[in-house]
Amino acid sequence: MGSYSVWLFDIDGVLVRPQGYRASVRATLNHFFRQMRLSDRLLPDENVIAGFEAIRITSEWDMVPICLAGVLDTW
C-alpha cells in the first residue's frame, strides 16, 4: 500500500487557535444586538461559550441562535 500526502489548510485558524470561532460568535451576536439596539454587555463571555462546549454544543451555527433566542425571550 502506498503512502499519501495530505495538505491541510487552516484558513480561519480554528485548528491552530480555536478562539477564532469564539470571536465569530461574538461578532455575529454583536451585529444582531446593534440591530436591536441592545448593549454589547449581553455578549457571551468565555465562560458561556465554554459552557456550550461542555454540553457538546461546539458549532457557532448552534451557539448563535441559542444565544439570540435567550436574549429575545428575555427582551
Protein backbone atom coordinates (compact mmCIF):
# COMPACT_ATOMS: atom_id res chain seq x y z
CA MET A 1 0.00 0.00 0.00
CA GLY A 2 1.41 3.39 -0.98
CA SER A 3 1.76 6.45 1.18
CA TYR A 4 -0.24 9.60 0.69
CA SER A 5 0.48 13.24 1.37
CA VAL A 6 -2.27 15.26 2.93
CA TRP A 7 -2.31 19.04 2.84
CA LEU A 8 -4.47 20.71 5.44
CA PHE A 9 -5.20 24.40 5.06
CA ASP A 10 -6.44 26.08 8.21
CA ILE A 11 -7.99 29.13 6.55
CA ASP A 12 -9.68 30.58 9.64
CA GLY A 13 -7.12 29.40 12.21
CA VAL A 14 -9.60 27.26 14.16
CA LEU A 15 -7.40 24.18 14.11
CA VAL A 16 -4.37 26.07 15.34
CA ARG A 17 -6.12 28.54 17.62
CA PRO A 18 -9.77 27.71 18.48
CA GLN A 19 -10.54 31.23 19.68
CA GLY A 20 -11.29 32.20 16.08
CA TYR A 21 -14.77 30.76 16.11
CA ARG A 22 -15.42 32.28 19.53
CA ALA A 23 -14.71 35.70 18.05
CA SER A 24 -17.10 34.94 15.20
CA VAL A 25 -19.85 34.05 17.70
CA ARG A 26 -19.40 37.39 19.46
CA ALA A 27 -19.15 39.35 16.19
CA THR A 28 -22.32 37.76 14.80
CA LEU A 29 -24.26 38.33 18.01
CA ASN A 30 -22.95 41.90 18.19
CA HIS A 31 -24.35 42.52 14.71
CA PHE A 32 -27.82 41.46 15.82
CA PHE A 33 -27.54 43.31 19.13
CA ARG A 34 -26.78 46.55 17.27
CA GLN A 35 -29.81 45.97 15.04
CA MET A 36 -31.97 45.55 18.17
CA ARG A 37 -30.22 48.46 19.89
CA LEU A 38 -29.03 46.22 22.72
CA SER A 39 -25.85 46.66 24.71
CA ASP A 40 -22.82 44.58 23.86
CA ARG A 41 -22.59 43.84 27.59
CA LEU A 42 -25.00 40.99 26.82
CA LEU A 43 -22.47 39.26 24.59
CA PRO A 44 -21.47 35.84 25.91
CA ASP A 45 -18.12 35.70 27.63
CA GLU A 46 -15.63 32.84 27.56
CA ASN A 47 -17.46 31.05 30.39
CA VAL A 48 -20.72 30.92 28.44
CA ILE A 49 -19.00 29.55 25.34
CA ALA A 50 -17.09 27.04 27.47
CA GLY A 51 -20.44 26.02 28.97
CA PHE A 52 -21.80 25.31 25.49
CA GLU A 53 -18.74 23.22 24.71
CA ALA A 54 -19.14 21.31 27.99
CA ILE A 55 -22.58 20.14 26.86
CA ARG A 56 -21.23 19.30 23.39
CA ILE A 57 -22.52 22.34 21.55
CA THR A 58 -19.39 23.24 19.64
CA SER A 59 -20.67 24.89 16.49
CA GLU A 60 -21.19 28.61 16.16
CA TRP A 61 -24.13 27.71 13.91
CA ASP A 62 -25.80 26.37 17.05
CA MET A 63 -24.45 28.79 19.66
CA VAL A 64 -25.60 31.97 17.93
CA PRO A 65 -29.30 31.01 17.54
CA ILE A 66 -29.42 29.68 21.11
CA CYS A 67 -27.97 32.92 22.47
CA LEU A 68 -30.30 35.02 20.32
CA ALA A 69 -33.30 33.01 21.45
CA GLY A 70 -32.35 33.57 25.08
CA VAL A 71 -31.90 37.31 24.56
CA LEU A 72 -35.17 37.61 22.62
CA ASP A 73 -37.03 35.62 25.26
CA THR A 74 -35.72 37.95 27.98
CA TRP A 75 -36.17 41.08 25.89
